[in-house]
Amino acid sequence: MKELFTSRKFWMTVLALLVIIISAFVPSFAIDQERGAGLAVIVVSYVIGVSVDPGPGGWAGVFRSRKFWAAAVGLTVIFLDGFGVKLPFGITEGQLADIAVVLGAYIAGVALEGKIPSFNPTR
């Protein structure tokens, strides 16, 4: 049971489920299809990324993780947009979904660094 509660994959999944539940019960929180797709891309990319490369353990490992910070920024932007906070530079919902896809690709790329011999971005 301790392993479950220290799992980053578990907590990311719980967070995603909470956002979905909040959108169902809080009328001022609106998650449309594009925001939902962005949320799903970030969550799935993070869960797969942590599965491929869990990184160092503990809270220090979480806070040093590029995957964590990319997911945190993406989820924060989607969460704020869901509550109607105006995004900077007039970003539309479609552009927000595109940003989520780019963040998801970044998370996956960070997870795969050094795991596949032919995938070495420093070459």
PDB file of N, CA and C in Angstrom:
ATOM      1  N   MET A   1       0.820  -1.188   0.000  1.00  0.00           N
ATOM      2  CA  MET A   1       0.000   0.000   0.000  1.00  0.00           C
ATOM      3  C   MET A   1       0.868   1.258   0.000  1.00  0.00           C
ATOM      4  N   LYS A   2       2.010   1.192   0.698  1.00  0.00           N
ATOM      5  CA  LYS A   2       2.901   2.349   0.754  1.00  0.00           C
ATOM      6  C   LYS A   2       3.404   2.701  -0.643  1.00  0.00           C
ATOM      7  N   GLU A   3       3.673   1.660  -1.446  1.00  0.00           N
ATOM      8  CA  GLU A   3       4.160   1.898  -2.810  1.00  0.00           C
ATOM      9  C   GLU A   3       3.125   2.653  -3.640  1.00  0.00           C
ATOM     10  N   LEU A   4       1.861   2.340  -3.437  1.00  0.00           N
ATOM     11  CA  LEU A   4       0.798   3.026  -4.173  1.00  0.00           C
ATOM     12  C   LEU A   4       0.767   4.512  -3.833  1.00  0.00           C
ATOM     13  N   PHE A   5       0.852   4.835  -2.550  1.00  0.00           N
ATOM     14  CA  PHE A   5       0.744   6.226  -2.133  1.00  0.00           C
ATOM     15  C   PHE A   5       2.006   7.043  -2.393  1.00  0.00           C
ATOM     16  N   THR A   6       3.096   6.399  -2.739  1.00  0.00           N
ATOM     17  CA  THR A   6       4.311   7.127  -3.117  1.00  0.00           C
ATOM     18  C   THR A   6       4.518   7.122  -4.624  1.00  0.00           C
ATOM     19  N   SER A   7       3.555   6.588  -5.361  1.00  0.00           N
ATOM     20  CA  SER A   7       3.664   6.488  -6.815  1.00  0.00           C
ATOM     21  C   SER A   7       3.262   7.800  -7.487  1.00  0.00           C
ATOM     22  N   ARG A   8       4.151   8.342  -8.303  1.00  0.00           N
ATOM     23  CA  ARG A   8       3.832   9.567  -9.055  1.00  0.00           C
ATOM     24  C   ARG A   8       2.731   9.305 -10.071  1.00  0.00           C
ATOM     25  N   LYS A   9       2.729   8.106 -10.648  1.00  0.00           N
ATOM     26  CA  LYS A   9       1.694   7.751 -11.623  1.00  0.00           C
ATOM     27  C   LYS A   9       0.317   7.762 -10.958  1.00  0.00           C
ATOM     28  N   PHE A  10       0.237   7.212  -9.759  1.00  0.00           N
ATOM     29  CA  PHE A  10      -1.028   7.175  -9.024  1.00  0.00           C
ATOM     30  C   PHE A  10      -1.539   8.585  -8.747  1.00  0.00           C
ATOM     31  N   TRP A  11      -0.682   9.464  -8.244  1.00  0.00           N
ATOM     32  CA  TRP A  11      -1.117  10.811  -7.880  1.00  0.00           C
ATOM     33  C   TRP A  11      -1.482  11.642  -9.099  1.00  0.00           C
ATOM     34  N   MET A  12      -0.799  11.444 -10.213  1.00  0.00           N
ATOM     35  CA  MET A  12      -1.170  12.168 -11.435  1.00  0.00           C
ATOM     36  C   MET A  12      -2.545  11.710 -11.913  1.00  0.00           C
ATOM     37  N   THR A  13      -2.807  10.412 -11.822  1.00  0.00           N
ATOM     38  CA  THR A  13      -4.109   9.890 -12.223  1.00  0.00           C
ATOM     39  C   THR A  13      -5.209  10.402 -11.294  1.00  0.00           C
ATOM     40  N   VAL A  14      -4.946  10.431 -10.001  1.00  0.00           N
ATOM     41  CA  VAL A  14      -5.919  10.965  -9.037  1.00  0.00           C
ATOM     42  C   VAL A  14      -6.195  12.440  -9.326  1.00  0.00           C
ATOM     43  N   LEU A  15      -5.144  13.203  -9.608  1.00  0.00           N
ATOM     44  CA  LEU A  15      -5.314  14.624  -9.928  1.00  0.00           C
ATOM     45  C   LEU A  15      -6.189  14.806 -11.167  1.00  0.00           C
ATOM     46  N   ALA A  16      -5.947  14.006 -12.197  1.00  0.00           N
ATOM     47  CA  ALA A  16      -6.756  14.104 -13.417  1.00  0.00           C
ATOM     48  C   ALA A  16      -8.215  13.765 -13.127  1.00  0.00           C
ATOM     49  N   LEU A  17      -8.447  12.734 -12.336  1.00  0.00           N
ATOM     50  CA  LEU A  17      -9.824  12.374 -11.981  1.00  0.00           C
ATOM     51  C   LEU A  17     -10.497  13.470 -11.159  1.00  0.00           C
ATOM     52  N   LEU A  18      -9.752  14.103 -10.265  1.00  0.00           N
ATOM     53  CA  LEU A  18     -10.311  15.216  -9.488  1.00  0.00           C
ATOM     54  C   LEU A  18     -10.714  16.385 -10.378  1.00  0.00           C
ATOM     55  N   VAL A  19      -9.896  16.686 -11.374  1.00  0.00           N
ATOM     56  CA  VAL A  19     -10.233  17.773 -12.300  1.00  0.00           C
ATOM     57  C   VAL A  19     -11.515  17.440 -13.056  1.00  0.00           C
ATOM     58  N   ILE A  20     -11.654  16.192 -13.480  1.00  0.00           N
ATOM     59  CA  ILE A  20     -12.867  15.783 -14.195  1.00  0.00           C
ATOM     60  C   ILE A  20     -14.081  15.870 -13.272  1.00  0.00           C
ATOM     61  N   ILE A  21     -13.936  15.437 -12.022  1.00  0.00           N
ATOM     62  CA  ILE A  21     -15.040  15.503 -11.060  1.00  0.00           C
ATOM     63  C   ILE A  21     -15.396  16.958 -10.746  1.00  0.00           C
ATOM     64  N   ILE A  22     -14.388  17.797 -10.572  1.00  0.00           N
ATOM     65  CA  ILE A  22     -14.640  19.219 -10.312  1.00  0.00           C
ATOM     66  C   ILE A  22     -15.418  19.838 -11.463  1.00  0.00           C
ATOM     67  N   SER A  23     -15.060  19.473 -12.696  1.00  0.00           N
ATOM     68  CA  SER A  23     -15.760  20.047 -13.851  1.00  0.00           C
ATOM     69  C   SER A  23     -17.223  19.623 -13.892  1.00  0.00           C
ATOM     70  N   ALA A  24     -17.542  18.476 -13.307  1.00  0.00           N
ATOM     71  CA  ALA A  24     -18.931  18.016 -13.301  1.00  0.00           C
ATOM     72  C   ALA A  24     -19.767  18.707 -12.225  1.00  0.00           C
ATOM     73  N   PHE A  25     -19.143  19.097 -11.106  1.00  0.00           N
ATOM     74  CA  PHE A  25     -19.907  19.615  -9.976  1.00  0.00           C
ATOM     75  C   PHE A  25     -19.751  21.109  -9.717  1.00  0.00           C
ATOM     76  N   VAL A  26     -18.754  21.741 -10.307  1.00  0.00           N
ATOM     77  CA  VAL A  26     -18.550  23.178 -10.100  1.00  0.00           C
ATOM     78  C   VAL A  26     -18.915  23.894 -11.397  1.00  0.00           C
ATOM     79  N   PRO A  27     -20.039  24.603 -11.415  1.00  0.00           N
ATOM     80  CA  PRO A  27     -20.497  25.216 -12.660  1.00  0.00           C
ATOM     81  C   PRO A  27     -19.540  26.263 -13.226  1.00  0.00           C
ATOM     82  N   SER A  28     -18.753  26.899 -12.382  1.00  0.00           N
ATOM     83  CA  SER A  28     -17.843  27.932 -12.892  1.00  0.00           C
ATOM     84  C   SER A  28     -16.557  27.348 -13.481  1.00  0.00           C
ATOM     85  N   PHE A  29     -16.400  26.042 -13.402  1.00  0.00           N
ATOM     86  CA  PHE A  29     -15.210  25.380 -13.946  1.00  0.00           C
ATOM     87  C   PHE A  29     -15.615  24.638 -15.207  1.00  0.00           C
ATOM     88  N   ALA A  30     -15.157  25.134 -16.357  1.00  0.00           N
ATOM     89  CA  ALA A  30     -15.577  24.578 -17.643  1.00  0.00           C
ATOM     90  C   ALA A  30     -14.410  23.888 -18.339  1.00  0.00           C
ATOM     91  N   ILE A  31     -14.565  22.593 -18.569  1.00  0.00           N
ATOM     92  CA  ILE A  31     -13.581  21.835 -19.347  1.00  0.00           C
ATOM     93  C   ILE A  31     -14.299  21.373 -20.612  1.00  0.00           C
ATOM     94  N   ASP A  32     -13.952  21.972 -21.746  1.00  0.00           N
ATOM     95  CA  ASP A  32     -14.540  21.533 -23.004  1.00  0.00           C
ATOM     96  C   ASP A  32     -13.669  20.417 -23.588  1.00  0.00           C
ATOM     97  N   GLN A  33     -13.983  20.000 -24.818  1.00  0.00           N
ATOM     98  CA  GLN A  33     -13.250  18.888 -25.427  1.00  0.00           C
ATOM     99  C   GLN A  33     -11.776  19.209 -25.635  1.00  0.00           C
ATOM    100  N   GLU A  34     -11.483  20.430 -26.042  1.00  0.00           N
ATOM    101  CA  GLU A  34     -10.081  20.772 -26.299  1.00  0.00           C
ATOM    102  C   GLU A  34      -9.272  20.812 -25.007  1.00  0.00           C
ATOM    103  N   ARG A  35      -9.843  21.383 -23.964  1.00  0.00           N
ATOM    104  CA  ARG A  35      -9.143  21.397 -22.672  1.00  0.00           C
ATOM    105  C   ARG A  35      -9.013  19.978 -22.125  1.00  0.00           C
ATOM    106  N   GLY A  36     -10.062  19.195 -22.283  1.00  0.00           N
ATOM    107  CA  GLY A  36     -10.020  17.801 -21.830  1.00  0.00           C
ATOM    108  C   GLY A  36      -8.975  16.993 -22.576  1.00  0.00           C
ATOM    109  N   ALA A  37      -8.871  17.234 -23.880  1.00  0.00           N
ATOM    110  CA  ALA A  37      -7.841  16.541 -24.660  1.00  0.00           C
ATOM    111  C   ALA A  37      -6.451  16.971 -24.215  1.00  0.00           C
ATOM    112  N   GLY A  38      -6.282  18.257 -23.956  1.00  0.00           N
ATOM    113  CA  GLY A  38      -4.992  18.744 -23.469  1.00  0.00           C
ATOM    114  C   GLY A  38      -4.636  18.132 -22.127  1.00  0.00           C
ATOM    115  N   LEU A  39      -5.611  18.067 -21.236  1.00  0.00           N
ATOM    116  CA  LEU A  39      -5.405  17.440 -19.934  1.00  0.00           C
ATOM    117  C   LEU A  39      -4.996  15.982 -20.107  1.00  0.00           C
ATOM    118  N   ALA A  40      -5.705  15.269 -20.976  1.00  0.00           N
ATOM    119  CA  ALA A  40      -5.407  13.853 -21.197  1.00  0.00           C
ATOM    120  C   ALA A  40      -4.009  13.651 -21.777  1.00  0.00           C
ATOM    121  N   VAL A  41      -3.626  14.483 -22.730  1.00  0.00           N
ATOM    122  CA  VAL A  41      -2.294  14.353 -23.335  1.00  0.00           C
ATOM    123  C   VAL A  41      -1.207  14.551 -22.286  1.00  0.00           C
ATOM    124  N   ILE A  42      -1.350  15.561 -21.458  1.00  0.00           N
ATOM    125  CA  ILE A  42      -0.330  15.829 -20.437  1.00  0.00           C
ATOM    126  C   ILE A  42      -0.279  14.700 -19.412  1.00  0.00           C
ATOM    127  N   VAL A  43      -1.439  14.253 -18.939  1.00  0.00           N
ATOM    128  CA  VAL A  43      -1.471  13.193 -17.926  1.00  0.00           C
ATOM    129  C   VAL A  43      -0.912  11.891 -18.482  1.00  0.00           C
ATOM    130  N   VAL A  44      -1.364  11.496 -19.666  1.00  0.00           N
ATOM    131  CA  VAL A  44      -0.883  10.242 -20.260  1.00  0.00           C
ATOM    132  C   VAL A  44       0.615  10.316 -20.538  1.00  0.00           C
ATOM    133  N   SER A  45       1.084  11.437 -21.056  1.00  0.00           N
ATOM    134  CA  SER A  45       2.521  11.586 -21.320  1.00  0.00           C
ATOM    135  C   SER A  45       3.323  11.498 -20.031  1.00  0.00           C
ATOM    136  N   TYR A  46       2.829  12.111 -18.973  1.00  0.00           N
ATOM    137  CA  TYR A  46       3.549  12.076 -17.696  1.00  0.00           C
ATOM    138  C   TYR A  46       3.579  10.659 -17.123  1.00  0.00           C
ATOM    139  N   VAL A  47       2.441   9.976 -17.147  1.00  0.00           N
ATOM    140  CA  VAL A  47       2.383   8.615 -16.599  1.00  0.00           C
ATOM    141  C   VAL A  47       3.303   7.687 -17.384  1.00  0.00           C
ATOM    142  N   ILE A  48       3.272   7.775 -18.707  1.00  0.00           N
ATOM    143  CA  ILE A  48       4.163   6.941 -19.519  1.00  0.00           C
ATOM    144  C   ILE A  48       5.615   7.350 -19.292  1.00  0.00           C
ATOM    145  N   GLY A  49       5.868   8.647 -19.223  1.00  0.00           N
ATOM    146  CA  GLY A  49       7.231   9.123 -19.000  1.00  0.00           C
ATOM    147  C   GLY A  49       7.809   8.652 -17.684  1.00  0.00           C
ATOM    148  N   VAL A  50       7.012   8.678 -16.629  1.00  0.00           N
ATOM    149  CA  VAL A  50       7.485   8.210 -15.324  1.00  0.00           C
ATOM    150  C   VAL A  50       7.632   6.691 -15.324  1.00  0.00           C
ATOM    151  N   SER A  51       6.810   5.994 -16.109  1.00  0.00           N
ATOM    152  CA  SER A  51       6.957   4.542 -16.217  1.00  0.00           C
ATOM    153  C   SER A  51       8.263   4.175 -16.905  1.00  0.00           C
ATOM    154  N   VAL A  52       8.606   4.901 -17.959  1.00  0.00           N
ATOM    155  CA  VAL A  52       9.838   4.628 -18.699  1.00  0.00           C
ATOM    156  C   VAL A  52      11.057   5.044 -17.892  1.00  0.00           C
ATOM    157  N   ASP A  53      11.008   6.224 -17.292  1.00  0.00           N
ATOM    158  CA  ASP A  53      12.143   6.744 -16.529  1.00  0.00           C
ATOM    159  C   ASP A  53      11.633   7.375 -15.240  1.00  0.00           C
ATOM    160  N   PRO A  54      11.600   6.592 -14.147  1.00  0.00           N
ATOM    161  CA  PRO A  54      11.073   7.149 -12.902  1.00  0.00           C
ATOM    162  C   PRO A  54      11.947   8.231 -12.285  1.00  0.00           C
ATOM    163  N   GLY A  55      13.194   8.301 -12.664  1.00  0.00           N
ATOM    164  CA  GLY A  55      14.080   9.324 -12.115  1.00  0.00           C
ATOM    165  C   GLY A  55      14.412   9.048 -10.660  1.00  0.00           C
ATOM    166  N   PRO A  56      15.100   9.981 -10.020  1.00  0.00           N
ATOM    167  CA  PRO A  56      15.462   9.788  -8.613  1.00  0.00           C
ATOM    168  C   PRO A  56      14.222   9.830  -7.721  1.00  0.00           C
ATOM    169  N   GLY A  57      14.287   9.124  -6.616  1.00  0.00           N
ATOM    170  CA  GLY A  57      13.142   9.045  -5.716  1.00  0.00           C
ATOM    171  C   GLY A  57      13.047  10.234  -4.782  1.00  0.00           C
ATOM    172  N   GLY A  58      11.964  10.253  -4.043  1.00  0.00           N
ATOM    173  CA  GLY A  58      11.752  11.290  -3.047  1.00  0.00           C
ATOM    174  C   GLY A  58      11.285  12.600  -3.648  1.00  0.00           C
ATOM    175  N   TRP A  59      10.974  13.537  -2.751  1.00  0.00           N
ATOM    176  CA  TRP A  59      10.493  14.844  -3.193  1.00  0.00           C
ATOM    177  C   TRP A  59      11.561  15.625  -3.937  1.00  0.00           C
ATOM    178  N   ALA A  60      12.809  15.437  -3.548  1.00  0.00           N
ATOM    179  CA  ALA A  60      13.885  16.133  -4.266  1.00  0.00           C
ATOM    180  C   ALA A  60      13.914  15.698  -5.721  1.00  0.00           C
ATOM    181  N   GLY A  61      13.689  14.405  -5.961  1.00  0.00           N
ATOM    182  CA  GLY A  61      13.645  13.902  -7.331  1.00  0.00           C
ATOM    183  C   GLY A  61      12.479  14.466  -8.118  1.00  0.00           C
ATOM    184  N   VAL A  62      11.350  14.630  -7.443  1.00  0.00           N
ATOM    185  CA  VAL A  62      10.170  15.198  -8.110  1.00  0.00           C
ATOM    186  C   VAL A  62      10.454  16.633  -8.529  1.00  0.00           C
ATOM    187  N   PHE A  63      11.007  17.417  -7.617  1.00  0.00           N
ATOM    188  CA  PHE A  63      11.229  18.834  -7.911  1.00  0.00           C
ATOM    189  C   PHE A  63      12.381  19.075  -8.881  1.00  0.00           C
ATOM    190  N   ARG A  64      13.252  18.082  -9.087  1.00  0.00           N
ATOM    191  CA  ARG A  64      14.319  18.214 -10.080  1.00  0.00           C
ATOM    192  C   ARG A  64      13.912  17.651 -11.433  1.00  0.00           C
ATOM    193  N   SER A  65      12.723  17.086 -11.519  1.00  0.00           N
ATOM    194  CA  SER A  65      12.268  16.414 -12.732  1.00  0.00           C
ATOM    195  C   SER A  65      11.721  17.413 -13.756  1.00  0.00           C
ATOM    196  N   ARG A  66      12.278  17.380 -14.958  1.00  0.00           N
ATOM    197  CA  ARG A  66      11.752  18.233 -16.035  1.00  0.00           C
ATOM    198  C   ARG A  66      10.360  17.783 -16.445  1.00  0.00           C
ATOM    199  N   LYS A  67      10.097  16.479 -16.361  1.00  0.00           N
ATOM    200  CA  LYS A  67       8.762  15.967 -16.676  1.00  0.00           C
ATOM    201  C   LYS A  67       7.727  16.570 -15.724  1.00  0.00           C
ATOM    202  N   PHE A  68       8.065  16.614 -14.442  1.00  0.00           N
ATOM    203  CA  PHE A  68       7.143  17.162 -13.443  1.00  0.00           C
ATOM    204  C   PHE A  68       6.825  18.621 -13.733  1.00  0.00           C
ATOM    205  N   TRP A  69       7.847  19.433 -13.996  1.00  0.00           N
ATOM    206  CA  TRP A  69       7.623  20.863 -14.200  1.00  0.00           C
ATOM    207  C   TRP A  69       6.854  21.136 -15.484  1.00  0.00           C
ATOM    208  N   ALA A  70       7.119  20.365 -16.541  1.00  0.00           N
ATOM    209  CA  ALA A  70       6.352  20.543 -17.780  1.00  0.00           C
ATOM    210  C   ALA A  70       4.882  20.198 -17.538  1.00  0.00           C
ATOM    211  N   ALA A  71       4.633  19.102 -16.832  1.00  0.00           N
ATOM    212  CA  ALA A  71       3.254  18.713 -16.533  1.00  0.00           C
ATOM    213  C   ALA A  71       2.589  19.722 -15.597  1.00  0.00           C
ATOM    214  N   ALA A  72       3.317  20.205 -14.607  1.00  0.00           N
ATOM    215  CA  ALA A  72       2.756  21.172 -13.655  1.00  0.00           C
ATOM    216  C   ALA A  72       2.349  22.462 -14.352  1.00  0.00           C
ATOM    217  N   VAL A  73       3.201  22.957 -15.240  1.00  0.00           N
ATOM    218  CA  VAL A  73       2.874  24.188 -15.972  1.00  0.00           C
ATOM    219  C   VAL A  73       1.656  23.964 -16.861  1.00  0.00           C
ATOM    220  N   GLY A  74       1.642  22.870 -17.601  1.00  0.00           N
ATOM    221  CA  GLY A  74       0.522  22.583 -18.494  1.00  0.00           C
ATOM    222  C   GLY A  74      -0.793  22.428 -17.754  1.00  0.00           C
ATOM    223  N   LEU A  75      -0.783  21.670 -16.667  1.00  0.00           N
ATOM    224  CA  LEU A  75      -2.014  21.466 -15.901  1.00  0.00           C
ATOM    225  C   LEU A  75      -2.484  22.750 -15.226  1.00  0.00           C
ATOM    226  N   THR A  76      -1.547  23.560 -14.769  1.00  0.00           N
ATOM    227  CA  THR A  76      -1.918  24.838 -14.151  1.00  0.00           C
ATOM    228  C   THR A  76      -2.603  25.751 -15.159  1.00  0.00           C
ATOM    229  N   VAL A  77      -2.059  25.822 -16.358  1.00  0.00           N
ATOM    230  CA  VAL A  77      -2.652  26.672 -17.397  1.00  0.00           C
ATOM    231  C   VAL A  77      -4.050  26.171 -17.756  1.00  0.00           C
ATOM    232  N   ILE A  78      -4.202  24.858 -17.922  1.00  0.00           N
ATOM    233  CA  ILE A  78      -5.517  24.303 -18.256  1.00  0.00           C
ATOM    234  C   ILE A  78      -6.499  24.536 -17.105  1.00  0.00           C
ATOM    235  N   PHE A  79      -6.043  24.352 -15.879  1.00  0.00           N
ATOM    236  CA  PHE A  79      -6.897  24.550 -14.706  1.00  0.00           C
ATOM    237  C   PHE A  79      -7.351  26.006 -14.595  1.00  0.00           C
ATOM    238  N   LEU A  80      -6.430  26.935 -14.747  1.00  0.00           N
ATOM    239  CA  LEU A  80      -6.788  28.359 -14.680  1.00  0.00           C
ATOM    240  C   LEU A  80      -7.731  28.742 -15.812  1.00  0.00           C
ATOM    241  N   ASP A  81      -7.471  28.213 -17.009  1.00  0.00           N
ATOM    242  CA  ASP A  81      -8.344  28.497 -18.145  1.00  0.00           C
ATOM    243  C   ASP A  81      -9.740  27.935 -17.904  1.00  0.00           C
ATOM    244  N   GLY A  82      -9.827  26.791 -17.247  1.00  0.00           N
ATOM    245  CA  GLY A  82     -11.128  26.202 -16.927  1.00  0.00           C
ATOM    246  C   GLY A  82     -11.958  27.080 -16.009  1.00  0.00           C
ATOM    247  N   PHE A  83     -11.305  27.843 -15.143  1.00  0.00           N
ATOM    248  CA  PHE A  83     -12.009  28.766 -14.256  1.00  0.00           C
ATOM    249  C   PHE A  83     -12.211  30.134 -14.887  1.00  0.00           C
ATOM    250  N   GLY A  84     -11.819  30.295 -16.137  1.00  0.00           N
ATOM    251  CA  GLY A  84     -12.075  31.540 -16.851  1.00  0.00           C
ATOM    252  C   GLY A  84     -11.004  32.590 -16.709  1.00  0.00           C
ATOM    253  N   VAL A  85      -9.865  32.243 -16.126  1.00  0.00           N
ATOM    254  CA  VAL A  85      -8.761  33.201 -16.034  1.00  0.00           C
ATOM    255  C   VAL A  85      -8.232  33.424 -17.445  1.00  0.00           C
ATOM    256  N   LYS A  86      -8.149  34.667 -17.840  1.00  0.00           N
ATOM    257  CA  LYS A  86      -7.695  34.985 -19.193  1.00  0.00           C
ATOM    258  C   LYS A  86      -6.226  34.615 -19.365  1.00  0.00           C
ATOM    259  N   LEU A  87      -5.965  33.881 -20.424  1.00  0.00           N
ATOM    260  CA  LEU A  87      -4.598  33.473 -20.712  1.00  0.00           C
ATOM    261  C   LEU A  87      -3.842  34.615 -21.380  1.00  0.00           C
ATOM    262  N   PRO A  88      -2.545  34.676 -21.177  1.00  0.00           N
ATOM    263  CA  PRO A  88      -1.773  35.768 -21.784  1.00  0.00           C
ATOM    264  C   PRO A  88      -1.741  35.661 -23.301  1.00  0.00           C
ATOM    265  N   PHE A  89      -1.532  36.773 -23.939  1.00  0.00           N
ATOM    266  CA  PHE A  89      -1.349  36.868 -25.388  1.00  0.00           C
ATOM    267  C   PHE A  89      -2.575  36.428 -26.179  1.00  0.00           C
ATOM    268  N   GLY A  90      -3.741  36.359 -25.563  1.00  0.00           N
ATOM    269  CA  GLY A  90      -4.954  35.990 -26.278  1.00  0.00           C
ATOM    270  C   GLY A  90      -4.955  34.561 -26.788  1.00  0.00           C
ATOM    271  N   ILE A  91      -4.399  33.638 -26.022  1.00  0.00           N
ATOM    272  CA  ILE A  91      -4.329  32.234 -26.434  1.00  0.00           C
ATOM    273  C   ILE A  91      -5.742  31.661 -26.486  1.00  0.00           C
ATOM    274  N   THR A  92      -6.071  31.023 -27.593  1.00  0.00           N
ATOM    275  CA  THR A  92      -7.392  30.413 -27.764  1.00  0.00           C
ATOM    276  C   THR A  92      -7.378  28.982 -27.226  1.00  0.00           C
ATOM    277  N   GLU A  93      -8.563  28.373 -27.157  1.00  0.00           N
ATOM    278  CA  GLU A  93      -8.654  26.996 -26.678  1.00  0.00           C
ATOM    279  C   GLU A  93      -7.903  26.036 -27.595  1.00  0.00           C
ATOM    280  N   GLY A  94      -7.985  26.271 -28.904  1.00  0.00           N
ATOM    281  CA  GLY A  94      -7.253  25.426 -29.852  1.00  0.00           C
ATOM    282  C   GLY A  94      -5.749  25.520 -29.654  1.00  0.00           C
ATOM    283  N   GLN A  95      -5.276  26.735 -29.431  1.00  0.00           N
ATOM    284  CA  GLN A  95      -3.844  26.911 -29.180  1.00  0.00           C
ATOM    285  C   GLN A  95      -3.444  26.289 -27.846  1.00  0.00           C
ATOM    286  N   LEU A  96      -4.343  26.323 -26.870  1.00  0.00           N
ATOM    287  CA  LEU A  96      -4.072  25.691 -25.585  1.00  0.00           C
ATOM    288  C   LEU A  96      -3.910  24.180 -25.758  1.00  0.00           C
ATOM    289  N   ALA A  97      -4.761  23.577 -26.586  1.00  0.00           N
ATOM    290  CA  ALA A  97      -4.623  22.145 -26.868  1.00  0.00           C
ATOM    291  C   ALA A  97      -3.300  21.864 -27.571  1.00  0.00           C
ATOM    292  N   ASP A  98      -2.905  22.738 -28.491  1.00  0.00           N
ATOM    293  CA  ASP A  98      -1.612  22.569 -29.165  1.00  0.00           C
ATOM    294  C   ASP A  98      -0.453  22.661 -28.178  1.00  0.00           C
ATOM    295  N   ILE A  99      -0.539  23.591 -27.241  1.00  0.00           N
ATOM    296  CA  ILE A  99       0.504  23.726 -26.216  1.00  0.00           C
ATOM    297  C   ILE A  99       0.576  22.450 -25.382  1.00  0.00           C
ATOM    298  N   ALA A 100      -0.582  21.883 -25.043  1.00  0.00           N
ATOM    299  CA  ALA A 100      -0.604  20.645 -24.262  1.00  0.00           C
ATOM    300  C   ALA A 100       0.052  19.501 -25.025  1.00  0.00           C
ATOM    301  N   VAL A 101      -0.184  19.430 -26.329  1.00  0.00           N
ATOM    302  CA  VAL A 101       0.448  18.386 -27.141  1.00  0.00           C
ATOM    303  C   VAL A 101       1.964  18.570 -27.164  1.00  0.00           C
ATOM    304  N   VAL A 102       2.419  19.804 -27.308  1.00  0.00           N
ATOM    305  CA  VAL A 102       3.864  20.072 -27.309  1.00  0.00           C
ATOM    306  C   VAL A 102       4.472  19.701 -25.955  1.00  0.00           C
ATOM    307  N   LEU A 103       3.798  20.055 -24.866  1.00  0.00           N
ATOM    308  CA  LEU A 103       4.297  19.677 -23.539  1.00  0.00           C
ATOM    309  C   LEU A 103       4.323  18.161 -23.376  1.00  0.00           C
ATOM    310  N   GLY A 104       3.304  17.485 -23.894  1.00  0.00           N
ATOM    311  CA  GLY A 104       3.281  16.021 -23.844  1.00  0.00           C
ATOM    312  C   GLY A 104       4.438  15.413 -24.613  1.00  0.00           C
ATOM    313  N   ALA A 105       4.737  15.971 -25.774  1.00  0.00           N
ATOM    314  CA  ALA A 105       5.879  15.487 -26.554  1.00  0.00           C
ATOM    315  C   ALA A 105       7.186  15.738 -25.814  1.00  0.00           C
ATOM    316  N   TYR A 106       7.294  16.889 -25.159  1.00  0.00           N
ATOM    317  CA  TYR A 106       8.500  17.194 -24.380  1.00  0.00           C
ATOM    318  C   TYR A 106       8.669  16.202 -23.230  1.00  0.00           C
ATOM    319  N   ILE A 107       7.579  15.914 -22.524  1.00  0.00           N
ATOM    320  CA  ILE A 107       7.638  14.965 -21.411  1.00  0.00           C
ATOM    321  C   ILE A 107       8.081  13.593 -21.915  1.00  0.00           C
ATOM    322  N   ALA A 108       7.504  13.145 -23.024  1.00  0.00           N
ATOM    323  CA  ALA A 108       7.888  11.846 -23.582  1.00  0.00           C
ATOM    324  C   ALA A 108       9.344  11.856 -24.032  1.00  0.00           C
ATOM    325  N   GLY A 109       9.778  12.940 -24.646  1.00  0.00           N
ATOM    326  CA  GLY A 109      11.169  13.036 -25.087  1.00  0.00           C
ATOM    327  C   GLY A 109      12.147  12.992 -23.936  1.00  0.00           C
ATOM    328  N   VAL A 110      11.822  13.677 -22.845  1.00  0.00           N
ATOM    329  CA  VAL A 110      12.690  13.657 -21.660  1.00  0.00           C
ATOM    330  C   VAL A 110      12.756  12.244 -21.090  1.00  0.00           C
ATOM    331  N   ALA A 111      11.628  11.541 -21.081  1.00  0.00           N
ATOM    332  CA  ALA A 111      11.604  10.183 -20.540  1.00  0.00           C
ATOM    333  C   ALA A 111      12.436   9.223 -21.385  1.00  0.00           C
ATOM    334  N   LEU A 112      12.475   9.450 -22.688  1.00  0.00           N
ATOM    335  CA  LEU A 112      13.189   8.537 -23.586  1.00  0.00           C
ATOM    336  C   LEU A 112      14.668   8.854 -23.737  1.00  0.00           C
ATOM    337  N   GLU A 113      15.115   9.986 -23.218  1.00  0.00           N
ATOM    338  CA  GLU A 113      16.529  10.348 -23.332  1.00  0.00           C
ATOM    339  C   GLU A 113      17.407   9.253 -22.754  1.00  0.00           C
ATOM    340  N   GLY A 114      18.284   8.730 -23.582  1.00  0.00           N
ATOM    341  CA  GLY A 114      19.228   7.718 -23.129  1.00  0.00           C
ATOM    342  C   GLY A 114      18.651   6.326 -23.004  1.00  0.00           C
ATOM    343  N   LYS A 115      17.359   6.135 -23.188  1.00  0.00           N
ATOM    344  CA  LYS A 115      16.733   4.817 -23.066  1.00  0.00           C
ATOM    345  C   LYS A 115      16.796   4.028 -24.361  1.00  0.00           C
ATOM    346  N   ILE A 116      16.768   4.724 -25.483  1.00  0.00           N
ATOM    347  CA  ILE A 116      16.827   4.091 -26.793  1.00  0.00           C
ATOM    348  C   ILE A 116      18.136   4.526 -27.432  1.00  0.00           C
ATOM    349  N   PRO A 117      18.981   3.571 -27.841  1.00  0.00           N
ATOM    350  CA  PRO A 117      20.301   3.960 -28.359  1.00  0.00           C
ATOM    351  C   PRO A 117      20.252   4.957 -29.513  1.00  0.00           C
ATOM    352  N   SER A 118      19.278   4.844 -30.396  1.00  0.00           N
ATOM    353  CA  SER A 118      19.226   5.752 -31.542  1.00  0.00           C
ATOM    354  C   SER A 118      18.571   7.087 -31.196  1.00  0.00           C
ATOM    355  N   PHE A 119      18.015   7.208 -29.997  1.00  0.00           N
ATOM    356  CA  PHE A 119      17.341   8.443 -29.590  1.00  0.00           C
ATOM    357  C   PHE A 119      18.252   9.201 -28.643  1.00  0.00           C
ATOM    358  N   ASN A 120      19.143   9.972 -29.205  1.00  0.00           N
ATOM    359  CA  ASN A 120      20.054  10.776 -28.392  1.00  0.00           C
ATOM    360  C   ASN A 120      20.060  12.181 -28.966  1.00  0.00           C
ATOM    361  N   PRO A 121      19.302  13.103 -28.379  1.00  0.00           N
ATOM    362  CA  PRO A 121      19.169  14.444 -28.951  1.00  0.00           C
ATOM    363  C   PRO A 121      20.449  15.269 -28.914  1.00  0.00           C
ATOM    364  N   THR A 122      21.475  14.802 -28.211  1.00  0.00           N
ATOM    365  CA  THR A 122      22.717  15.580 -28.146  1.00  0.00           C
ATOM    366  C   THR A 122      23.609  15.330 -29.342  1.00  0.00           C
ATOM    367  N   ARG A 123      23.280  14.348 -30.157  1.00  0.00           N
ATOM    368  CA  ARG A 123      24.089  14.075 -31.355  1.00  0.00           C
ATOM    369  C   ARG A 123      23.707  14.977 -32.479  1.00  0.00           C
TER     370      ARG A 123
END
